[in-house]
């Protein structure tokens, strides 16, 4: 039976839809991926600090990205994602600790933000300006940190994709979303992220063509994801994946729970920056 003739399949179990990362594979397309859904775990970073919406969207996206990547690493330590530019939102910082603890903060110029038009306030490049995204793996004081740095692109997702193209050399597609969602007990910020990666291909030309076709199919379907599908608490990751890839036979694995780690932004910044040398901090 060909892939096109494969009957739709749904994973046997549903998953909870909040503060989780759900790994999945699509064997017929040689694709692996993850979906992150953050709700209460990002409220302390965004809602409790009354961030302006443009800064909140960016911070939510970075926290979702950090969670997505952190849960894919097999290590006992921290993944730190730092975005630093010369725009109105000049610093985004998030870290994920092994075991599912996430935290983050944003630094911004309120006057410059207020001066932006509505259109520019939704333009991620205009908000961040020129600068870099740094991903740091810190496994403790007796180990050497690993860091990868990439220039800020037009969006946070495009920036992370550029990082993957350079470091892992695996075709990668990312989507990030963050925004307020109205619920029965008021308005709360949520964030979501989705990622697919194409597994290493084959040597012969015919198999390489098949591989390209597989990736084209995977990305064409992935690109139909709407922001609300990543943010709506009523749309579980399992339901979204079924919509996207049921004909290809998507397999969903056990979700990884995520929680907020620290209630003090100042302590967060102090601790994370303390891991860098004086020269590195001066450059920040």
Foldseek 3Di string as FASTA:
>chain_A
DDLQPFAFDAAPDFDQFEQWKWWKALVLLQKIKIKGKYFVQCCLADVVVVDDFLQQWQLLQVQQVQQRVVVVDDAQFKKKKWAAADAQFGIKIKMAGPQFAIDIYTDGNVVRLVPDDPVLSNFACNRHPWDKIKIWTDRDDVDDIDIDIFIDDRHPQVRVQVRCCPPVVWRKGKDKGKDWDQDPVGITIMIMMMMMTRDDWDDDPVRVVSNVVSVVLLVVLVVVDDRCCGHPSVRHPSNSCSVRCRSSPMYIDDIRGHHYDDNDPVVVVCVVCVVDDPVVVVVD
